[in-house]
Amino acid sequence: MKNVPLRMCIACREMKPKTELVRVVRSKEGEISLDFTGKKNGRGAYVCGSEDCIRKLGKAKLLNRTFSAPVADEVYAGIVEAYLAKK
């Protein structure tokens, strides 16, 4: 039996299989983007595939806390757009 890695969604705080989550990555240069492959270099945070959790990211400014750095509102808007476009 294969061990499935679990990660916590930073929005709803639920542990879920890594494959069900969307990864948000901050590169060394400070660029923040969605990582649908799960293989980009950088600090990662995981969010459920639910639209509610993606929207909660911006409302609660969750990435600011997770990455210990200020994140611009445009970045949050870009994440929501990229997620909706991928759907």
C-alpha atoms as a PDB file:
ATOM      1  CA  MET A   1       0.000   0.000   0.000  1.00  0.00           C
ATOM      2  CA  LYS A   2       1.424   3.349  -1.061  1.00  0.00           C
ATOM      3  CA  ASN A   3       1.705   6.171   1.467  1.00  0.00           C
ATOM      4  CA  VAL A   4      -0.203   9.260   0.262  1.00  0.00           C
ATOM      5  CA  PRO A   5       1.383  12.556   1.371  1.00  0.00           C
ATOM      6  CA  LEU A   6      -1.021  14.866   3.215  1.00  0.00           C
ATOM      7  CA  ARG A   7      -0.853  18.655   3.275  1.00  0.00           C
ATOM      8  CA  MET A   8      -2.913  21.253   5.129  1.00  0.00           C
ATOM      9  CA  CYS A   9      -5.027  23.797   3.269  1.00  0.00           C
ATOM     10  CA  ILE A  10      -4.083  27.242   4.612  1.00  0.00           C
ATOM     11  CA  ALA A  11      -7.663  28.469   4.156  1.00  0.00           C
ATOM     12  CA  CYS A  12      -9.840  25.770   5.768  1.00  0.00           C
ATOM     13  CA  ARG A  13      -7.013  24.109   7.787  1.00  0.00           C
ATOM     14  CA  GLU A  14      -8.045  20.592   6.703  1.00  0.00           C
ATOM     15  CA  MET A  15      -5.513  17.864   5.982  1.00  0.00           C
ATOM     16  CA  LYS A  16      -6.006  16.451   2.488  1.00  0.00           C
ATOM     17  CA  PRO A  17      -4.028  14.369  -0.012  1.00  0.00           C
ATOM     18  CA  LYS A  18      -1.434  16.515  -1.777  1.00  0.00           C
ATOM     19  CA  THR A  19      -2.932  15.653  -5.180  1.00  0.00           C
ATOM     20  CA  GLU A  20      -6.273  17.308  -4.264  1.00  0.00           C
ATOM     21  CA  LEU A  21      -4.656  20.649  -3.384  1.00  0.00           C
ATOM     22  CA  VAL A  22      -3.357  23.558  -5.457  1.00  0.00           C
ATOM     23  CA  ARG A  23       0.145  24.755  -4.553  1.00  0.00           C
ATOM     24  CA  VAL A  24       0.988  28.450  -4.301  1.00  0.00           C
ATOM     25  CA  VAL A  25       4.732  29.115  -4.623  1.00  0.00           C
ATOM     26  CA  ARG A  26       6.971  32.039  -3.680  1.00  0.00           C
ATOM     27  CA  SER A  27      10.243  31.907  -5.614  1.00  0.00           C
ATOM     28  CA  LYS A  28      13.570  33.204  -4.282  1.00  0.00           C
ATOM     29  CA  GLU A  29      12.960  36.382  -6.294  1.00  0.00           C
ATOM     30  CA  GLY A  30       9.696  36.920  -4.399  1.00  0.00           C
ATOM     31  CA  GLU A  31       7.394  36.091  -7.321  1.00  0.00           C
ATOM     32  CA  ILE A  32       4.187  34.337  -6.259  1.00  0.00           C
ATOM     33  CA  SER A  33       2.329  32.012  -8.611  1.00  0.00           C
ATOM     34  CA  LEU A  34       0.101  28.943  -8.746  1.00  0.00           C
ATOM     35  CA  ASP A  35       1.882  25.651  -9.264  1.00  0.00           C
ATOM     36  CA  PHE A  36      -0.437  23.076 -10.803  1.00  0.00           C
ATOM     37  CA  THR A  37       2.475  20.621 -11.318  1.00  0.00           C
ATOM     38  CA  GLY A  38       3.640  20.726  -7.691  1.00  0.00           C
ATOM     39  CA  LYS A  39       7.283  20.844  -8.804  1.00  0.00           C
ATOM     40  CA  LYS A  40       8.250  24.527  -8.991  1.00  0.00           C
ATOM     41  CA  ASN A  41      11.157  25.640  -6.840  1.00  0.00           C
ATOM     42  CA  GLY A  42      10.382  27.845  -3.854  1.00  0.00           C
ATOM     43  CA  ARG A  43       8.390  28.008  -0.659  1.00  0.00           C
ATOM     44  CA  GLY A  44       5.015  26.361  -1.086  1.00  0.00           C
ATOM     45  CA  ALA A  45       1.623  26.698   0.524  1.00  0.00           C
ATOM     46  CA  TYR A  46      -1.373  24.521  -0.250  1.00  0.00           C
ATOM     47  CA  VAL A  47      -4.999  25.482  -0.861  1.00  0.00           C
ATOM     48  CA  CYS A  48      -8.049  23.266  -1.496  1.00  0.00           C
ATOM     49  CA  GLY A  49      -9.400  23.089  -4.989  1.00  0.00           C
ATOM     50  CA  SER A  50     -12.609  24.711  -3.744  1.00  0.00           C
ATOM     51  CA  GLU A  51     -13.487  28.182  -4.952  1.00  0.00           C
ATOM     52  CA  ASP A  52     -14.329  29.240  -1.376  1.00  0.00           C
ATOM     53  CA  CYS A  53     -10.801  28.541  -0.161  1.00  0.00           C
ATOM     54  CA  ILE A  54      -9.213  30.297  -3.136  1.00  0.00           C
ATOM     55  CA  ARG A  55     -11.330  33.404  -2.475  1.00  0.00           C
ATOM     56  CA  LYS A  56     -10.625  33.236   1.268  1.00  0.00           C
ATOM     57  CA  LEU A  57      -6.912  33.620   0.474  1.00  0.00           C
ATOM     58  CA  GLY A  58      -7.439  37.231  -0.584  1.00  0.00           C
ATOM     59  CA  LYS A  59     -10.046  38.166   1.991  1.00  0.00           C
ATOM     60  CA  ALA A  60      -7.970  37.026   4.954  1.00  0.00           C
ATOM     61  CA  LYS A  61      -4.571  37.856   3.363  1.00  0.00           C
ATOM     62  CA  LEU A  62      -3.424  34.338   4.213  1.00  0.00           C
ATOM     63  CA  LEU A  63      -0.334  34.394   1.993  1.00  0.00           C
ATOM     64  CA  ASN A  64       1.093  37.377   3.902  1.00  0.00           C
ATOM     65  CA  ARG A  65       1.220  35.253   7.043  1.00  0.00           C
ATOM     66  CA  THR A  66       2.332  32.066   5.300  1.00  0.00           C
ATOM     67  CA  PHE A  67       5.225  33.650   3.401  1.00  0.00           C
ATOM     68  CA  SER A  68       6.063  36.203   6.172  1.00  0.00           C
ATOM     69  CA  ALA A  69       6.083  38.969   3.586  1.00  0.00           C
ATOM     70  CA  PRO A  70       3.621  41.523   2.205  1.00  0.00           C
ATOM     71  CA  VAL A  71       1.689  40.250  -0.813  1.00  0.00           C
ATOM     72  CA  ALA A  72       0.060  42.757  -3.185  1.00  0.00           C
ATOM     73  CA  ASP A  73      -3.698  42.661  -3.837  1.00  0.00           C
ATOM     74  CA  GLU A  74      -2.941  42.191  -7.558  1.00  0.00           C
ATOM     75  CA  VAL A  75      -1.220  38.896  -6.732  1.00  0.00           C
ATOM     76  CA  TYR A  76      -4.324  37.614  -4.938  1.00  0.00           C
ATOM     77  CA  ALA A  77      -6.499  38.695  -7.887  1.00  0.00           C
ATOM     78  CA  GLY A  78      -4.102  36.954 -10.286  1.00  0.00           C
ATOM     79  CA  ILE A  79      -4.281  33.740  -8.268  1.00  0.00           C
ATOM     80  CA  VAL A  80      -8.095  33.738  -8.390  1.00  0.00           C
ATOM     81  CA  GLU A  81      -8.033  34.422 -12.164  1.00  0.00           C
ATOM     82  CA  ALA A  82      -5.459  31.709 -12.831  1.00  0.00           C
ATOM     83  CA  TYR A  83      -7.436  29.212 -10.758  1.00  0.00           C
ATOM     84  CA  LEU A  84     -10.721  30.017 -12.501  1.00  0.00           C
ATOM     85  CA  ALA A  85      -9.032  29.836 -15.911  1.00  0.00           C
ATOM     86  CA  LYS A  86      -7.621  26.379 -15.079  1.00  0.00           C
ATOM     87  CA  LYS A  87     -11.059  25.074 -14.010  1.00  0.00           C
END
